[in-house]
Amino acid sequence: MDIRMRKAKELLAGSDMLIRDVSGAVGYTNVNSFVRIFKKSTGFTPGEYREREQASLREADGANETDEVDGAE
């Protein structure tokens, strides 16, 4: 996978940057090209990817909080 796509995935999952700002940060001047190439590379649009990744992080955080509460009893 292209290093720019790896960096874009990190930025999308770990920040609330606008997709156009992520696009620029990884070297794309045309956000439409970025979206098209990102989708071809990952199977998801940048917005879909962000939502899936952030949802999985929320689920993992919820599981960790449950584990901590269960361990404290």
Protein backbone atom coordinates (compact mmCIF):
# COMPACT_ATOMS: atom_id res chain seq x y z
CA MET A 1 0.00 0.00 0.00
CA ASP A 2 1.17 3.49 -0.85
CA ILE A 3 2.76 5.36 2.07
CA ARG A 4 0.35 8.25 1.45
CA MET A 5 -2.63 5.95 1.93
CA ARG A 6 -1.13 4.58 5.15
CA LYS A 7 -0.69 8.12 6.47
CA ALA A 8 -4.22 9.05 5.35
CA LYS A 9 -5.61 6.04 7.24
CA GLU A 10 -3.75 7.13 10.39
CA LEU A 11 -5.06 10.69 10.09
CA LEU A 12 -8.62 9.57 9.40
CA ALA A 13 -8.71 7.12 12.30
CA GLY A 14 -6.90 9.30 14.80
CA SER A 15 -8.19 12.79 14.18
CA ASP A 16 -11.20 14.85 13.24
CA MET A 17 -9.40 16.53 10.34
CA LEU A 18 -11.59 17.37 7.38
CA ILE A 19 -11.17 14.94 4.51
CA ARG A 20 -9.96 17.77 2.27
CA ASP A 21 -7.30 18.58 4.89
CA VAL A 22 -6.23 14.93 5.10
CA SER A 23 -6.06 14.89 1.31
CA GLY A 24 -3.76 17.90 1.28
CA ALA A 25 -1.67 16.59 4.17
CA VAL A 26 -0.79 13.47 2.21
CA GLY A 27 -0.01 15.34 -1.00
CA TYR A 28 -3.21 15.40 -3.04
CA THR A 29 -4.27 18.74 -4.49
CA ASN A 30 -7.57 17.36 -5.77
CA VAL A 31 -9.79 15.91 -3.05
CA ASN A 32 -11.90 14.00 -5.60
CA SER A 33 -8.80 12.17 -6.82
CA PHE A 34 -7.85 11.39 -3.23
CA VAL A 35 -11.31 9.96 -2.47
CA ARG A 36 -11.29 7.85 -5.64
CA ILE A 37 -7.79 6.48 -5.02
CA PHE A 38 -8.47 5.91 -1.31
CA LYS A 39 -11.61 3.92 -2.12
CA LYS A 40 -9.78 1.88 -4.75
CA SER A 41 -7.03 1.14 -2.21
CA THR A 42 -9.20 0.33 0.83
CA GLY A 43 -12.67 -0.46 -0.48
CA PHE A 44 -14.11 2.43 1.55
CA THR A 45 -14.48 6.15 1.08
CA PRO A 46 -12.42 8.18 3.57
CA GLY A 47 -15.60 9.00 5.51
CA GLU A 48 -16.67 5.35 5.66
CA TYR A 49 -13.18 4.33 6.74
CA ARG A 50 -13.10 6.93 9.51
CA GLU A 51 -16.49 5.89 10.83
CA ARG A 52 -15.57 2.19 10.88
CA GLU A 53 -12.22 2.80 12.56
CA GLN A 54 -13.56 5.21 15.16
CA ALA A 55 -16.49 2.87 15.90
CA SER A 56 -14.09 -0.03 16.47
CA LEU A 57 -11.98 2.15 18.77
CA ARG A 58 -15.09 3.13 20.75
CA GLU A 59 -16.02 -0.54 21.06
CA ALA A 60 -12.51 -1.40 22.24
CA ASP A 61 -12.61 1.43 24.79
CA GLY A 62 -15.97 0.20 26.02
CA ALA A 63 -14.60 -3.32 26.44
CA ASN A 64 -11.61 -1.98 28.37
CA GLU A 65 -13.84 0.06 30.67
CA THR A 66 -16.01 -3.01 31.32
CA ASP A 67 -12.90 -5.08 32.08
CA GLU A 68 -11.67 -2.44 34.52
CA VAL A 69 -15.04 -2.28 36.29
CA ASP A 70 -15.29 -6.08 36.47
CA GLY A 71 -11.75 -6.31 37.84
CA ALA A 72 -12.50 -3.76 40.56
CA GLU A 73 -15.33 -5.77 42.14
